[in-house]
Amino acid sequence: MRDCYNDESLIIEDYILPKCTELNPWLPIDENMPTNKRIFIHTNDTVQIGMFDGRYWANVDGDILACDPSHWMSLPGSPKMKSEY
């Protein structure tokens, strides 16, 4: 049941949001995932930066993860410097 929604919020919720897709969706861990490169990883409802070296998953501190992540996402690129505009 909805409470206190105006017509615009109903349009957004019912018609626009279902048609939207994430710009950078979470991808399942598979053979196409980058190795030896830092990426966002999703493990047990936790998101952290880590990498896979071909044998082990490690977080950004170098600690080996106790369980394998289920999904990954690329890290964003570095921000542009003012001189690069």
PDB file of N, CA and C in Angstrom:
ATOM      1  N   MET A   1       0.838  -1.184   0.000  1.00  0.00           N
ATOM      2  CA  MET A   1       0.000   0.000   0.000  1.00  0.00           C
ATOM      3  C   MET A   1       0.884   1.249   0.000  1.00  0.00           C
ATOM      4  N   ARG A   2       0.508   2.223  -0.755  1.00  0.00           N
ATOM      5  CA  ARG A   2       1.268   3.462  -0.868  1.00  0.00           C
ATOM      6  C   ARG A   2       0.688   4.495   0.073  1.00  0.00           C
ATOM      7  N   ASP A   3       1.572   5.294   0.622  1.00  0.00           N
ATOM      8  CA  ASP A   3       1.090   6.384   1.451  1.00  0.00           C
ATOM      9  C   ASP A   3       1.802   7.668   1.049  1.00  0.00           C
ATOM     10  N   CYS A   4       1.023   8.688   0.794  1.00  0.00           N
ATOM     11  CA  CYS A   4       1.514  10.040   0.506  1.00  0.00           C
ATOM     12  C   CYS A   4       2.379  10.146  -0.746  1.00  0.00           C
ATOM     13  N   TYR A   5       2.058   9.445  -1.801  1.00  0.00           N
ATOM     14  CA  TYR A   5       2.789   9.619  -3.056  1.00  0.00           C
ATOM     15  C   TYR A   5       2.004  10.575  -3.938  1.00  0.00           C
ATOM     16  N   ASN A   6       2.697  11.429  -4.646  1.00  0.00           N
ATOM     17  CA  ASN A   6       2.010  12.283  -5.609  1.00  0.00           C
ATOM     18  C   ASN A   6       2.044  11.593  -6.974  1.00  0.00           C
ATOM     19  N   ASP A   7       1.397  12.191  -7.952  1.00  0.00           N
ATOM     20  CA  ASP A   7       1.310  11.585  -9.278  1.00  0.00           C
ATOM     21  C   ASP A   7       2.675  11.388  -9.920  1.00  0.00           C
ATOM     22  N   GLU A   8       3.608  12.336  -9.714  1.00  0.00           N
ATOM     23  CA  GLU A   8       4.933  12.216 -10.306  1.00  0.00           C
ATOM     24  C   GLU A   8       5.694  11.029  -9.746  1.00  0.00           C
ATOM     25  N   SER A   9       5.603  10.808  -8.447  1.00  0.00           N
ATOM     26  CA  SER A   9       6.322   9.677  -7.870  1.00  0.00           C
ATOM     27  C   SER A   9       5.715   8.355  -8.325  1.00  0.00           C
ATOM     28  N   LEU A  10       4.412   8.325  -8.567  1.00  0.00           N
ATOM     29  CA  LEU A  10       3.779   7.110  -9.085  1.00  0.00           C
ATOM     30  C   LEU A  10       4.269   6.815 -10.494  1.00  0.00           C
ATOM     31  N   ILE A  11       4.421   7.831 -11.298  1.00  0.00           N
ATOM     32  CA  ILE A  11       4.923   7.653 -12.669  1.00  0.00           C
ATOM     33  C   ILE A  11       6.349   7.115 -12.622  1.00  0.00           C
ATOM     34  N   ILE A  12       7.177   7.705 -11.789  1.00  0.00           N
ATOM     35  CA  ILE A  12       8.565   7.256 -11.688  1.00  0.00           C
ATOM     36  C   ILE A  12       8.627   5.824 -11.197  1.00  0.00           C
ATOM     37  N   GLU A  13       7.921   5.531 -10.123  1.00  0.00           N
ATOM     38  CA  GLU A  13       7.990   4.193  -9.528  1.00  0.00           C
ATOM     39  C   GLU A  13       7.394   3.118 -10.431  1.00  0.00           C
ATOM     40  N   ASP A  14       6.262   3.410 -11.035  1.00  0.00           N
ATOM     41  CA  ASP A  14       5.548   2.382 -11.796  1.00  0.00           C
ATOM     42  C   ASP A  14       5.977   2.242 -13.251  1.00  0.00           C
ATOM     43  N   TYR A  15       6.456   3.325 -13.858  1.00  0.00           N
ATOM     44  CA  TYR A  15       6.726   3.272 -15.286  1.00  0.00           C
ATOM     45  C   TYR A  15       8.181   3.475 -15.683  1.00  0.00           C
ATOM     46  N   ILE A  16       8.879   4.317 -14.962  1.00  0.00           N
ATOM     47  CA  ILE A  16      10.246   4.630 -15.373  1.00  0.00           C
ATOM     48  C   ILE A  16      11.261   3.683 -14.741  1.00  0.00           C
ATOM     49  N   LEU A  17      11.229   3.510 -13.428  1.00  0.00           N
ATOM     50  CA  LEU A  17      12.228   2.671 -12.753  1.00  0.00           C
ATOM     51  C   LEU A  17      12.288   1.235 -13.272  1.00  0.00           C
ATOM     52  N   PRO A  18      11.171   0.578 -13.565  1.00  0.00           N
ATOM     53  CA  PRO A  18      11.269  -0.789 -14.091  1.00  0.00           C
ATOM     54  C   PRO A  18      12.000  -0.891 -15.432  1.00  0.00           C
ATOM     55  N   LYS A  19      12.095   0.213 -16.174  1.00  0.00           N
ATOM     56  CA  LYS A  19      12.766   0.197 -17.473  1.00  0.00           C
ATOM     57  C   LYS A  19      14.240   0.577 -17.386  1.00  0.00           C
ATOM     58  N   CYS A  20      14.689   0.988 -16.200  1.00  0.00           N
ATOM     59  CA  CYS A  20      16.075   1.414 -16.019  1.00  0.00           C
ATOM     60  C   CYS A  20      16.994   0.217 -15.800  1.00  0.00           C
ATOM     61  N   THR A  21      18.212   0.364 -16.236  1.00  0.00           N
ATOM     62  CA  THR A  21      19.243  -0.640 -15.964  1.00  0.00           C
ATOM     63  C   THR A  21      20.433   0.063 -15.325  1.00  0.00           C
ATOM     64  N   GLU A  22      21.190  -0.678 -14.548  1.00  0.00           N
ATOM     65  CA  GLU A  22      22.374  -0.111 -13.929  1.00  0.00           C
ATOM     66  C   GLU A  22      23.395   0.235 -15.003  1.00  0.00           C
ATOM     67  N   LEU A  23      24.075   1.358 -14.818  1.00  0.00           N
ATOM     68  CA  LEU A  23      25.127   1.725 -15.758  1.00  0.00           C
ATOM     69  C   LEU A  23      26.312   0.779 -15.654  1.00  0.00           C
ATOM     70  N   ASN A  24      26.622   0.370 -14.450  1.00  0.00           N
ATOM     71  CA  ASN A  24      27.713  -0.568 -14.201  1.00  0.00           C
ATOM     72  C   ASN A  24      27.163  -1.730 -13.382  1.00  0.00           C
ATOM     73  N   PRO A  25      26.563  -2.707 -14.037  1.00  0.00           N
ATOM     74  CA  PRO A  25      25.936  -3.790 -13.277  1.00  0.00           C
ATOM     75  C   PRO A  25      26.968  -4.709 -12.618  1.00  0.00           C
ATOM     76  N   TRP A  26      26.555  -5.341 -11.528  1.00  0.00           N
ATOM     77  CA  TRP A  26      27.387  -6.367 -10.892  1.00  0.00           C
ATOM     78  C   TRP A  26      27.383  -7.597 -11.794  1.00  0.00           C
ATOM     79  N   LEU A  27      28.550  -8.132 -12.058  1.00  0.00           N
ATOM     80  CA  LEU A  27      28.693  -9.294 -12.935  1.00  0.00           C
ATOM     81  C   LEU A  27      29.049 -10.519 -12.108  1.00  0.00           C
ATOM     82  N   PRO A  28      28.520 -11.681 -12.479  1.00  0.00           N
ATOM     83  CA  PRO A  28      28.883 -12.889 -11.729  1.00  0.00           C
ATOM     84  C   PRO A  28      30.355 -13.242 -11.955  1.00  0.00           C
ATOM     85  N   ILE A  29      30.946 -13.852 -10.953  1.00  0.00           N
ATOM     86  CA  ILE A  29      32.331 -14.310 -11.067  1.00  0.00           C
ATOM     87  C   ILE A  29      32.373 -15.425 -12.107  1.00  0.00           C
ATOM     88  N   ASP A  30      33.199 -15.257 -13.128  1.00  0.00           N
ATOM     89  CA  ASP A  30      33.357 -16.281 -14.163  1.00  0.00           C
ATOM     90  C   ASP A  30      34.725 -16.124 -14.819  1.00  0.00           C
ATOM     91  N   GLU A  31      34.947 -16.836 -15.902  1.00  0.00           N
ATOM     92  CA  GLU A  31      36.262 -16.817 -16.563  1.00  0.00           C
ATOM     93  C   GLU A  31      36.553 -15.489 -17.272  1.00  0.00           C
ATOM     94  N   ASN A  32      35.550 -14.631 -17.457  1.00  0.00           N
ATOM     95  CA  ASN A  32      35.752 -13.342 -18.113  1.00  0.00           C
ATOM     96  C   ASN A  32      36.179 -12.239 -17.145  1.00  0.00           C
ATOM     97  N   MET A  33      36.219 -12.544 -15.877  1.00  0.00           N
ATOM     98  CA  MET A  33      36.570 -11.571 -14.858  1.00  0.00           C
ATOM     99  C   MET A  33      38.065 -11.276 -14.914  1.00  0.00           C
ATOM    100  N   PRO A  34      38.459 -10.012 -14.707  1.00  0.00           N
ATOM    101  CA  PRO A  34      39.892  -9.697 -14.748  1.00  0.00           C
ATOM    102  C   PRO A  34      40.649 -10.317 -13.572  1.00  0.00           C
ATOM    103  N   THR A  35      41.884 -10.709 -13.815  1.00  0.00           N
ATOM    104  CA  THR A  35      42.737 -11.205 -12.732  1.00  0.00           C
ATOM    105  C   THR A  35      43.913 -10.244 -12.571  1.00  0.00           C
ATOM    106  N   ASN A  36      44.506 -10.270 -11.391  1.00  0.00           N
ATOM    107  CA  ASN A  36      45.642  -9.409 -11.070  1.00  0.00           C
ATOM    108  C   ASN A  36      45.333  -7.929 -11.307  1.00  0.00           C
ATOM    109  N   LYS A  37      44.095  -7.541 -11.039  1.00  0.00           N
ATOM    110  CA  LYS A  37      43.655  -6.158 -11.181  1.00  0.00           C
ATOM    111  C   LYS A  37      42.650  -5.891 -10.068  1.00  0.00           C
ATOM    112  N   ARG A  38      42.756  -4.749  -9.416  1.00  0.00           N
ATOM    113  CA  ARG A  38      41.816  -4.424  -8.349  1.00  0.00           C
ATOM    114  C   ARG A  38      40.434  -4.137  -8.919  1.00  0.00           C
ATOM    115  N   ILE A  39      39.427  -4.733  -8.285  1.00  0.00           N
ATOM    116  CA  ILE A  39      38.033  -4.576  -8.688  1.00  0.00           C
ATOM    117  C   ILE A  39      37.180  -4.513  -7.423  1.00  0.00           C
ATOM    118  N   PHE A  40      35.935  -4.053  -7.566  1.00  0.00           N
ATOM    119  CA  PHE A  40      34.970  -4.184  -6.475  1.00  0.00           C
ATOM    120  C   PHE A  40      34.536  -5.644  -6.439  1.00  0.00           C
ATOM    121  N   ILE A  41      34.455  -6.211  -5.250  1.00  0.00           N
ATOM    122  CA  ILE A  41      33.956  -7.579  -5.116  1.00  0.00           C
ATOM    123  C   ILE A  41      32.845  -7.613  -4.066  1.00  0.00           C
ATOM    124  N   HIS A  42      31.869  -8.471  -4.302  1.00  0.00           N
ATOM    125  CA  HIS A  42      30.718  -8.609  -3.406  1.00  0.00           C
ATOM    126  C   HIS A  42      30.784  -9.991  -2.759  1.00  0.00           C
ATOM    127  N   THR A  43      30.929  -9.989  -1.433  1.00  0.00           N
ATOM    128  CA  THR A  43      31.034 -11.238  -0.675  1.00  0.00           C
ATOM    129  C   THR A  43      30.169 -11.150   0.570  1.00  0.00           C
ATOM    130  N   ASN A  44      29.236 -12.067   0.724  1.00  0.00           N
ATOM    131  CA  ASN A  44      28.407 -12.127   1.941  1.00  0.00           C
ATOM    132  C   ASN A  44      27.854 -10.762   2.339  1.00  0.00           C
ATOM    133  N   ASP A  45      27.177 -10.095   1.440  1.00  0.00           N
ATOM    134  CA  ASP A  45      26.571  -8.784   1.686  1.00  0.00           C
ATOM    135  C   ASP A  45      27.587  -7.699   2.024  1.00  0.00           C
ATOM    136  N   THR A  46      28.832  -7.887   1.642  1.00  0.00           N
ATOM    137  CA  THR A  46      29.884  -6.903   1.860  1.00  0.00           C
ATOM    138  C   THR A  46      30.518  -6.556   0.518  1.00  0.00           C
ATOM    139  N   VAL A  47      30.760  -5.274   0.321  1.00  0.00           N
ATOM    140  CA  VAL A  47      31.451  -4.825  -0.888  1.00  0.00           C
ATOM    141  C   VAL A  47      32.814  -4.294  -0.465  1.00  0.00           C
ATOM    142  N   GLN A  48      33.841  -4.753  -1.145  1.00  0.00           N
ATOM    143  CA  GLN A  48      35.192  -4.284  -0.855  1.00  0.00           C
ATOM    144  C   GLN A  48      36.016  -4.300  -2.134  1.00  0.00           C
ATOM    145  N   ILE A  49      37.183  -3.716  -2.068  1.00  0.00           N
ATOM    146  CA  ILE A  49      38.100  -3.748  -3.200  1.00  0.00           C
ATOM    147  C   ILE A  49      39.041  -4.917  -2.989  1.00  0.00           C
ATOM    148  N   GLY A  50      39.201  -5.708  -4.024  1.00  0.00           N
ATOM    149  CA  GLY A  50      40.077  -6.863  -3.925  1.00  0.00           C
ATOM    150  C   GLY A  50      40.541  -7.293  -5.295  1.00  0.00           C
ATOM    151  N   MET A  51      41.232  -8.418  -5.335  1.00  0.00           N
ATOM    152  CA  MET A  51      41.697  -8.953  -6.609  1.00  0.00           C
ATOM    153  C   MET A  51      41.899 -10.460  -6.506  1.00  0.00           C
ATOM    154  N   PHE A  52      41.934 -11.109  -7.647  1.00  0.00           N
ATOM    155  CA  PHE A  52      42.154 -12.541  -7.744  1.00  0.00           C
ATOM    156  C   PHE A  52      43.474 -12.756  -8.462  1.00  0.00           C
ATOM    157  N   ASP A  53      44.372 -13.514  -7.856  1.00  0.00           N
ATOM    158  CA  ASP A  53      45.695 -13.707  -8.463  1.00  0.00           C
ATOM    159  C   ASP A  53      45.791 -14.990  -9.278  1.00  0.00           C
ATOM    160  N   GLY A  54      44.654 -15.640  -9.509  1.00  0.00           N
ATOM    161  CA  GLY A  54      44.653 -16.904 -10.230  1.00  0.00           C
ATOM    162  C   GLY A  54      44.490 -18.093  -9.302  1.00  0.00           C
ATOM    163  N   ARG A  55      44.779 -17.878  -8.015  1.00  0.00           N
ATOM    164  CA  ARG A  55      44.599 -18.942  -7.013  1.00  0.00           C
ATOM    165  C   ARG A  55      43.771 -18.480  -5.830  1.00  0.00           C
ATOM    166  N   TYR A  56      44.028 -17.257  -5.345  1.00  0.00           N
ATOM    167  CA  TYR A  56      43.376 -16.775  -4.129  1.00  0.00           C
ATOM    168  C   TYR A  56      42.756 -15.400  -4.345  1.00  0.00           C
ATOM    169  N   TRP A  57      41.697 -15.121  -3.585  1.00  0.00           N
ATOM    170  CA  TRP A  57      41.105 -13.797  -3.506  1.00  0.00           C
ATOM    171  C   TRP A  57      41.742 -13.070  -2.336  1.00  0.00           C
ATOM    172  N   ALA A  58      42.098 -11.822  -2.532  1.00  0.00           N
ATOM    173  CA  ALA A  58      42.670 -11.017  -1.459  1.00  0.00           C
ATOM    174  C   ALA A  58      42.023  -9.637  -1.466  1.00  0.00           C
ATOM    175  N   ASN A  59      41.915  -9.041  -0.272  1.00  0.00           N
ATOM    176  CA  ASN A  59      41.388  -7.679  -0.210  1.00  0.00           C
ATOM    177  C   ASN A  59      42.521  -6.693  -0.470  1.00  0.00           C
ATOM    178  N   VAL A  60      42.213  -5.419  -0.422  1.00  0.00           N
ATOM    179  CA  VAL A  60      43.188  -4.389  -0.760  1.00  0.00           C
ATOM    180  C   VAL A  60      44.367  -4.372   0.225  1.00  0.00           C
ATOM    181  N   ASP A  61      44.173  -4.900   1.437  1.00  0.00           N
ATOM    182  CA  ASP A  61      45.255  -4.984   2.419  1.00  0.00           C
ATOM    183  C   ASP A  61      46.137  -6.215   2.210  1.00  0.00           C
ATOM    184  N   GLY A  62      45.763  -7.072   1.265  1.00  0.00           N
ATOM    185  CA  GLY A  62      46.541  -8.277   0.997  1.00  0.00           C
ATOM    186  C   GLY A  62      46.093  -9.486   1.802  1.00  0.00           C
ATOM    187  N   ASP A  63      45.027  -9.327   2.604  1.00  0.00           N
ATOM    188  CA  ASP A  63      44.517 -10.452   3.383  1.00  0.00           C
ATOM    189  C   ASP A  63      43.747 -11.409   2.485  1.00  0.00           C
ATOM    190  N   ILE A  64      44.032 -12.711   2.603  1.00  0.00           N
ATOM    191  CA  ILE A  64      43.308 -13.730   1.840  1.00  0.00           C
ATOM    192  C   ILE A  64      41.881 -13.797   2.362  1.00  0.00           C
ATOM    193  N   LEU A  65      40.895 -13.809   1.455  1.00  0.00           N
ATOM    194  CA  LEU A  65      39.494 -13.876   1.861  1.00  0.00           C
ATOM    195  C   LEU A  65      39.111 -15.289   2.249  1.00  0.00           C
ATOM    196  N   ALA A  66      38.281 -15.399   3.281  1.00  0.00           N
ATOM    197  CA  ALA A  66      37.841 -16.707   3.769  1.00  0.00           C
ATOM    198  C   ALA A  66      36.852 -17.366   2.814  1.00  0.00           C
ATOM    199  N   CYS A  67      36.095 -16.568   2.081  1.00  0.00           N
ATOM    200  CA  CYS A  67      35.142 -17.143   1.125  1.00  0.00           C
ATOM    201  C   CYS A  67      35.211 -16.371  -0.181  1.00  0.00           C
ATOM    202  N   ASP A  68      34.845 -17.031  -1.245  1.00  0.00           N
ATOM    203  CA  ASP A  68      34.920 -16.429  -2.578  1.00  0.00           C
ATOM    204  C   ASP A  68      33.760 -15.463  -2.802  1.00  0.00           C
ATOM    205  N   PRO A  69      34.016 -14.348  -3.482  1.00  0.00           N
ATOM    206  CA  PRO A  69      32.931 -13.428  -3.823  1.00  0.00           C
ATOM    207  C   PRO A  69      32.004 -14.030  -4.870  1.00  0.00           C
ATOM    208  N   SER A  70      30.802 -13.483  -4.943  1.00  0.00           N
ATOM    209  CA  SER A  70      29.835 -13.970  -5.922  1.00  0.00           C
ATOM    210  C   SER A  70      29.766 -13.077  -7.155  1.00  0.00           C
ATOM    211  N   HIS A  71      30.082 -11.774  -6.995  1.00  0.00           N
ATOM    212  CA  HIS A  71      29.972 -10.822  -8.098  1.00  0.00           C
ATOM    213  C   HIS A  71      31.122  -9.826  -8.055  1.00  0.00           C
ATOM    214  N   TRP A  72      31.348  -9.170  -9.186  1.00  0.00           N
ATOM    215  CA  TRP A  72      32.408  -8.170  -9.282  1.00  0.00           C
ATOM    216  C   TRP A  72      31.964  -7.007 -10.158  1.00  0.00           C
ATOM    217  N   MET A  73      32.679  -5.880 -10.027  1.00  0.00           N
ATOM    218  CA  MET A  73      32.430  -4.695 -10.839  1.00  0.00           C
ATOM    219  C   MET A  73      33.755  -3.951 -10.991  1.00  0.00           C
ATOM    220  N   SER A  74      33.991  -3.391 -12.165  1.00  0.00           N
ATOM    221  CA  SER A  74      35.219  -2.631 -12.385  1.00  0.00           C
ATOM    222  C   SER A  74      35.237  -1.382 -11.517  1.00  0.00           C
ATOM    223  N   LEU A  75      36.423  -0.994 -11.106  1.00  0.00           N
ATOM    224  CA  LEU A  75      36.584   0.268 -10.399  1.00  0.00           C
ATOM    225  C   LEU A  75      36.480   1.409 -11.404  1.00  0.00           C
ATOM    226  N   PRO A  76      35.968   2.564 -10.994  1.00  0.00           N
ATOM    227  CA  PRO A  76      35.918   3.693 -11.923  1.00  0.00           C
ATOM    228  C   PRO A  76      37.323   4.188 -12.227  1.00  0.00           C
ATOM    229  N   GLY A  77      37.474   4.843 -13.347  1.00  0.00           N
ATOM    230  CA  GLY A  77      38.767   5.417 -13.712  1.00  0.00           C
ATOM    231  C   GLY A  77      39.110   6.601 -12.822  1.00  0.00           C
ATOM    232  N   SER A  78      40.328   7.022 -12.910  1.00  0.00           N
ATOM    233  CA  SER A  78      40.772   8.188 -12.139  1.00  0.00           C
ATOM    234  C   SER A  78      40.064   9.441 -12.642  1.00  0.00           C
ATOM    235  N   PRO A  79      39.783  10.379 -11.752  1.00  0.00           N
ATOM    236  CA  PRO A  79      39.141  11.617 -12.202  1.00  0.00           C
ATOM    237  C   PRO A  79      40.078  12.431 -13.089  1.00  0.00           C
ATOM    238  N   LYS A  80      39.505  13.163 -14.018  1.00  0.00           N
ATOM    239  CA  LYS A  80      40.300  14.004 -14.911  1.00  0.00           C
ATOM    240  C   LYS A  80      40.808  15.227 -14.153  1.00  0.00           C
ATOM    241  N   MET A  81      42.008  15.611 -14.467  1.00  0.00           N
ATOM    242  CA  MET A  81      42.566  16.834 -13.906  1.00  0.00           C
ATOM    243  C   MET A  81      42.001  18.019 -14.672  1.00  0.00           C
ATOM    244  N   LYS A  82      41.961  19.171 -14.068  1.00  0.00           N
ATOM    245  CA  LYS A  82      41.402  20.350 -14.700  1.00  0.00           C
ATOM    246  C   LYS A  82      42.073  20.644 -16.040  1.00  0.00           C
ATOM    247  N   SER A  83      43.349  20.369 -16.153  1.00  0.00           N
ATOM    248  CA  SER A  83      44.084  20.631 -17.402  1.00  0.00           C
ATOM    249  C   SER A  83      43.692  19.672 -18.530  1.00  0.00           C
ATOM    250  N   GLU A  84      42.992  18.570 -18.203  1.00  0.00           N
ATOM    251  CA  GLU A  84      42.601  17.594 -19.216  1.00  0.00           C
ATOM    252  C   GLU A  84      41.235  17.894 -19.844  1.00  0.00           C
ATOM    253  N   TYR A  85      40.544  18.917 -19.380  1.00  0.00           N
ATOM    254  CA  TYR A  85      39.219  19.241 -19.942  1.00  0.00           C
ATOM    255  C   TYR A  85      39.327  19.889 -21.280  1.00  0.00           C
TER     256      TYR A  85
END
